[in-house]
Amino acid sequence: MGAPMAANIAKAGLDVRVWNRTREKAEPLSDVAAVADSAASAADGADTLVTMLADGPAVAEAFEAASPASGTLWLQMSTVGLDWTDRLAALAEQAGVVFVDAPVLGTRQPAEQAQLQVLASGPEEARPKATPVFDAVAIKTQWLGPAGNGSRLKLVLNAWVLALTNGTAESLGLARALGLDPALFLETIEGGGLDVGYAHVKGGAMLSGEYPPAFPAALAAKDARLVVEAAAEDVDVAGAKAALAHLEAAVEAGHGDEDMAALYRAVVKER
């Protein structure tokens, strides 16, 4: 996600320096951006810092290594959950950095096409400087009030995506178990009131048995855990819990780098 986002920010005419813990992953960006040797050199003199990493600990480590100057605008665009969003906001406050919590909706292809959706939350005065960055990567940006609201809405939307992916897998698996062609499920919902485009995308992968990673199962499992943790005892997110169980089974079976649709392997108990 971070690489195509950085490329699109650079293509929009902004001066970009990039850093990745594994330098080889950043090298393909050398045609459009400067590849830094360290987080600190990437952030040196920058007025805006963008982070897009796997989880809260990775973001915190990168931020502390970057040590951005006081007054820097920090656009934190990773999905890290509520606890880590609060921790990162505290780090920003200690460093005198302006913090905007701005996770995104979308996977690899929307990121490549600058078609993400940004769920931005933070101080109103940050909007003018943040907008050119968001416009470079997204088709839509919502501003949602105080920092943290972006991550809250991202969890709400992730709960729906997880339940939809898992429900699609269960329906296809049930059809197969009942002696039906699983493709009949997708054919029957198509064009009707029950139709959802996402079911066809993920369901198509499940039927083909090919899972090129638009969003890896291991990261989807991380996101499912964040949803379950946020819900706590207040609401029974049964759909997210079921998706988490199937995702964890798929990851344990060695499919963590495949697309999250690979949870179908666990639903139909593939070996």
Protein backbone atom coordinates (compact mmCIF):
# COMPACT_ATOMS: atom_id res chain seq x y z
CA MET A 1 0.00 0.00 0.00
CA GLY A 2 2.74 2.46 0.94
CA ALA A 3 4.71 2.15 -2.29
CA PRO A 4 1.90 3.02 -4.74
CA MET A 5 0.73 5.78 -2.41
CA ALA A 6 4.21 7.31 -2.36
CA ALA A 7 4.41 7.03 -6.15
CA ASN A 8 1.11 8.85 -6.58
CA ILE A 9 2.10 11.59 -4.15
CA ALA A 10 5.29 12.14 -6.16
CA LYS A 11 3.37 12.07 -9.46
CA ALA A 12 1.14 14.82 -8.09
CA GLY A 13 4.19 17.07 -8.04
CA LEU A 14 5.11 16.88 -4.36
CA ASP A 15 8.74 16.37 -3.35
CA VAL A 16 8.93 12.90 -1.79
CA ARG A 17 11.55 10.96 0.13
CA VAL A 18 10.75 7.36 1.00
CA TRP A 19 12.09 4.89 3.51
CA ASN A 20 11.32 1.24 4.19
CA ARG A 21 12.87 -1.05 6.77
CA THR A 22 13.70 -3.31 3.82
CA ARG A 23 15.38 -0.94 1.38
CA GLU A 24 14.79 -3.24 -1.60
CA LYS A 25 11.05 -2.60 -1.25
CA ALA A 26 11.61 1.13 -1.66
CA GLU A 27 14.07 0.94 -4.57
CA PRO A 28 11.38 0.66 -7.29
CA LEU A 29 10.33 4.20 -6.32
CA SER A 30 13.73 5.66 -7.16
CA ASP A 31 12.44 6.98 -10.51
CA VAL A 32 9.92 9.27 -8.82
CA ALA A 33 11.23 9.77 -5.27
CA ALA A 34 14.47 9.87 -3.31
CA VAL A 35 15.12 6.62 -1.45
CA ALA A 36 16.47 7.41 2.01
CA ASP A 37 18.93 5.26 3.95
CA SER A 38 17.15 5.84 7.25
CA ALA A 39 13.89 7.08 8.66
CA ALA A 40 15.71 10.10 10.06
CA SER A 41 17.14 11.10 6.69
CA ALA A 42 13.72 10.65 5.08
CA ALA A 43 12.12 12.99 7.61
CA ASP A 44 14.94 15.53 7.78
CA GLY A 45 13.54 18.92 6.81
CA ALA A 46 10.19 17.51 5.70
CA ASP A 47 7.07 19.49 6.54
CA THR A 48 4.82 16.42 6.25
CA LEU A 49 5.40 12.83 7.38
CA VAL A 50 3.25 9.97 6.06
CA THR A 51 3.29 6.52 7.65
CA MET A 52 1.81 3.40 6.08
CA LEU A 53 3.01 0.31 7.93
CA ALA A 54 1.65 -3.02 9.12
CA ASP A 55 0.75 -2.25 12.74
CA GLY A 56 1.07 0.10 15.69
CA PRO A 57 4.47 -1.07 16.98
CA ALA A 58 5.99 -0.71 13.50
CA VAL A 59 4.57 2.81 13.14
CA ALA A 60 5.82 3.86 16.58
CA GLU A 61 9.29 2.49 15.85
CA ALA A 62 9.45 4.30 12.51
CA PHE A 63 8.21 7.58 14.00
CA GLU A 64 10.72 7.51 16.82
CA ALA A 65 13.51 6.67 14.37
CA ALA A 66 12.41 9.49 12.08
CA SER A 67 12.42 12.02 14.94
CA PRO A 68 10.54 14.68 12.93
CA ALA A 69 10.93 18.32 13.84
CA SER A 70 8.41 20.11 16.01
CA GLY A 71 5.57 21.47 13.89
CA THR A 72 5.75 18.67 11.32
CA LEU A 73 2.39 17.42 10.07
CA TRP A 74 2.08 13.65 10.62
CA LEU A 75 -0.47 11.85 8.43
CA GLN A 76 -0.78 8.42 10.07
CA MET A 77 -2.52 6.35 7.39
CA SER A 78 -1.95 2.82 8.71
CA THR A 79 -4.71 0.75 10.34
CA VAL A 80 -3.54 0.29 13.92
CA GLY A 81 -6.69 0.17 16.06
CA LEU A 82 -7.87 2.37 18.91
CA ASP A 83 -5.21 1.70 21.55
CA TRP A 84 -2.30 2.32 19.21
CA THR A 85 -3.93 5.40 17.69
CA ASP A 86 -4.06 6.90 21.17
CA ARG A 87 -0.44 5.92 21.81
CA LEU A 88 0.72 7.44 18.54
CA ALA A 89 -1.22 10.64 19.22
CA ALA A 90 0.59 10.87 22.56
CA LEU A 91 3.96 10.40 20.84
CA ALA A 92 3.06 13.19 18.43
CA GLU A 93 2.08 15.51 21.27
CA GLN A 94 5.34 14.84 23.10
CA ALA A 95 7.30 15.65 19.93
CA GLY A 96 5.28 18.78 19.14
CA VAL A 97 4.02 17.18 15.93
CA VAL A 98 0.55 17.78 14.44
CA PHE A 99 -1.21 14.41 14.33
CA VAL A 100 -3.86 13.41 11.78
CA ASP A 101 -5.34 9.93 12.08
CA ALA A 102 -6.15 8.97 8.48
CA PRO A 103 -6.53 5.26 7.71
CA VAL A 104 -7.61 4.36 4.20
CA LEU A 105 -10.20 2.15 2.56
CA GLY A 106 -8.95 0.10 -0.36
CA THR A 107 -6.41 -2.52 -1.31
CA ARG A 108 -3.48 -2.78 -3.71
CA GLN A 109 -5.27 -1.95 -6.96
CA PRO A 110 -7.14 1.13 -5.64
CA ALA A 111 -3.84 2.30 -4.13
CA GLU A 112 -2.11 1.95 -7.50
CA GLN A 113 -4.94 3.83 -9.22
CA ALA A 114 -5.14 6.62 -6.60
CA GLN A 115 -8.68 5.45 -5.82
CA LEU A 116 -8.43 5.01 -2.06
CA GLN A 117 -10.80 6.62 0.43
CA VAL A 118 -9.25 8.52 3.32
CA LEU A 119 -10.92 8.58 6.73
CA ALA A 120 -9.25 11.66 8.17
CA SER A 121 -9.56 12.96 11.70
CA GLY A 122 -7.54 15.62 13.44
CA PRO A 123 -7.24 19.37 13.94
CA GLU A 124 -9.11 21.52 11.45
CA GLU A 125 -6.02 23.65 10.85
CA ALA A 126 -4.22 20.62 9.41
CA ARG A 127 -6.63 20.28 6.49
CA PRO A 128 -5.04 22.72 4.01
CA LYS A 129 -1.62 21.06 4.23
CA ALA A 130 -3.02 17.52 4.33
CA THR A 131 -5.40 17.93 1.40
CA PRO A 132 -2.83 17.81 -1.45
CA VAL A 133 -1.46 14.53 -0.08
CA PHE A 134 -4.90 13.00 0.33
CA ASP A 135 -5.98 14.20 -3.11
CA ALA A 136 -2.94 12.49 -4.62
CA VAL A 137 -3.87 9.04 -3.28
CA ALA A 138 -7.65 9.09 -2.91
CA ILE A 139 -10.87 9.52 -4.81
CA LYS A 140 -12.62 10.67 -1.63
CA THR A 141 -11.62 12.09 1.74
CA GLN A 142 -13.95 12.34 4.73
CA TRP A 143 -13.05 14.57 7.66
CA LEU A 144 -14.52 13.09 10.81
CA GLY A 145 -13.64 15.39 13.66
CA PRO A 146 -11.08 14.77 16.41
CA ALA A 147 -8.16 12.40 15.85
CA GLY A 148 -9.21 8.82 16.51
CA ASN A 149 -12.56 9.01 14.73
CA GLY A 150 -10.93 7.91 11.49
CA SER A 151 -9.68 4.72 13.11
CA ARG A 152 -13.06 4.13 14.73
CA LEU A 153 -14.88 4.32 11.40
CA LYS A 154 -12.22 2.14 9.76
CA LEU A 155 -12.93 -0.60 12.31
CA VAL A 156 -16.67 -0.32 11.62
CA LEU A 157 -16.07 -0.73 7.90
CA ASN A 158 -13.56 -3.54 8.44
CA ALA A 159 -16.15 -5.44 10.49
CA TRP A 160 -18.47 -5.31 7.48
CA VAL A 161 -15.76 -6.35 4.99
CA LEU A 162 -14.69 -9.27 7.18
CA ALA A 163 -18.25 -10.50 7.69
CA LEU A 164 -18.99 -10.17 3.97
CA THR A 165 -15.85 -12.06 2.94
CA ASN A 166 -16.48 -14.80 5.47
CA GLY A 167 -20.19 -15.01 4.62
CA THR A 168 -19.35 -15.38 0.94
CA ALA A 169 -16.93 -18.20 1.79
CA GLU A 170 -19.49 -19.97 3.96
CA SER A 171 -22.22 -19.73 1.31
CA LEU A 172 -19.92 -21.10 -1.38
CA GLY A 173 -18.70 -23.82 0.94
CA LEU A 174 -22.23 -24.79 1.92
CA ALA A 175 -23.29 -24.99 -1.71
CA ARG A 176 -20.40 -27.34 -2.40
CA ALA A 177 -21.22 -29.49 0.62
CA LEU A 178 -24.85 -29.77 -0.52
CA GLY A 179 -23.81 -31.05 -3.92
CA LEU A 180 -24.43 -27.81 -5.82
CA ASP A 181 -22.11 -25.94 -8.13
CA PRO A 182 -20.88 -23.10 -5.83
CA ALA A 183 -20.92 -20.71 -8.79
CA LEU A 184 -24.72 -20.84 -8.63
CA PHE A 185 -24.61 -18.68 -5.49
CA LEU A 186 -22.87 -15.81 -7.28
CA GLU A 187 -24.98 -16.27 -10.41
CA THR A 188 -28.20 -16.09 -8.39
CA ILE A 189 -27.41 -12.93 -6.43
CA GLU A 190 -26.11 -11.11 -9.51
CA GLY A 191 -28.23 -8.13 -10.44
CA GLY A 192 -30.68 -8.57 -7.58
CA GLY A 193 -31.25 -6.94 -4.25
CA LEU A 194 -28.71 -9.23 -2.56
CA ASP A 195 -25.94 -8.45 -5.02
CA VAL A 196 -22.64 -7.01 -3.75
CA GLY A 197 -19.72 -6.50 -6.10
CA TYR A 198 -17.22 -7.39 -3.41
CA ALA A 199 -18.75 -10.87 -3.09
CA HIS A 200 -18.02 -11.50 -6.77
CA VAL A 201 -14.40 -10.32 -6.42
CA LYS A 202 -13.62 -12.46 -3.39
CA GLY A 203 -15.95 -15.28 -4.41
CA GLY A 204 -14.29 -15.48 -7.81
CA ALA A 205 -10.93 -16.00 -6.14
CA MET A 206 -12.40 -18.67 -3.89
CA LEU A 207 -13.88 -20.56 -6.84
CA SER A 208 -10.67 -20.37 -8.85
CA GLY A 209 -8.45 -21.37 -5.94
CA GLU A 210 -6.08 -18.55 -6.91
CA TYR A 211 -5.42 -15.88 -4.27
CA PRO A 212 -3.12 -13.12 -5.56
CA PRO A 213 -2.79 -10.76 -2.59
CA ALA A 214 -4.90 -7.64 -2.91
CA PHE A 215 -4.84 -7.66 0.91
CA PRO A 216 -2.88 -10.49 2.58
CA ALA A 217 -4.64 -12.86 4.95
CA ALA A 218 -2.09 -12.16 7.69
CA LEU A 219 -2.91 -8.45 7.68
CA ALA A 220 -6.64 -9.19 7.48
CA ALA A 221 -6.28 -11.34 10.59
CA LYS A 222 -4.57 -8.41 12.32
CA ASP A 223 -7.45 -6.14 11.35
CA ALA A 224 -10.00 -8.70 12.55
CA ARG A 225 -8.29 -8.83 15.94
CA LEU A 226 -8.46 -5.03 16.14
CA VAL A 227 -12.22 -5.15 15.49
CA VAL A 228 -12.78 -7.81 18.13
CA GLU A 229 -10.65 -5.92 20.66
CA ALA A 230 -12.50 -2.66 20.01
CA ALA A 231 -15.90 -4.31 20.39
CA ALA A 232 -14.85 -5.81 23.74
CA GLU A 233 -17.95 -6.76 25.74
CA ASP A 234 -20.15 -4.03 24.27
CA VAL A 235 -21.23 -5.77 21.05
CA ASP A 236 -20.96 -9.33 19.77
CA VAL A 237 -19.13 -8.99 16.46
CA ALA A 238 -19.80 -12.63 15.57
CA GLY A 239 -19.06 -12.10 11.89
CA ALA A 240 -15.63 -10.64 12.61
CA LYS A 241 -14.91 -13.41 15.12
CA ALA A 242 -15.77 -16.09 12.57
CA ALA A 243 -13.62 -14.40 9.95
CA LEU A 244 -10.77 -14.15 12.44
CA ALA A 245 -10.96 -17.86 13.26
CA HIS A 246 -10.87 -18.79 9.58
CA LEU A 247 -8.11 -16.29 8.77
CA GLU A 248 -5.96 -17.54 11.64
CA ALA A 249 -6.43 -21.12 10.44
CA ALA A 250 -5.43 -20.12 6.91
CA VAL A 251 -2.36 -18.27 8.19
CA GLU A 252 -1.33 -21.18 10.38
CA ALA A 253 -1.62 -23.45 7.33
CA GLY A 254 0.91 -21.28 5.50
CA HIS A 255 -1.41 -19.03 3.48
CA GLY A 256 -0.75 -15.72 5.25
CA ASP A 257 0.74 -14.09 2.15
CA GLU A 258 -2.27 -14.99 0.00
CA ASP A 259 -5.29 -12.73 -0.31
CA MET A 260 -7.72 -12.66 2.60
CA ALA A 261 -10.16 -14.61 0.40
CA ALA A 262 -7.95 -17.61 1.26
CA LEU A 263 -9.99 -17.92 4.46
CA TYR A 264 -12.17 -20.07 2.18
CA ARG A 265 -9.50 -22.75 2.60
CA ALA A 266 -10.37 -22.92 6.29
CA VAL A 267 -14.13 -22.77 5.70
CA VAL A 268 -14.06 -25.84 3.44
CA LYS A 269 -11.30 -27.44 5.54
CA GLU A 270 -8.71 -27.72 2.80
CA ARG A 271 -5.53 -29.49 3.86
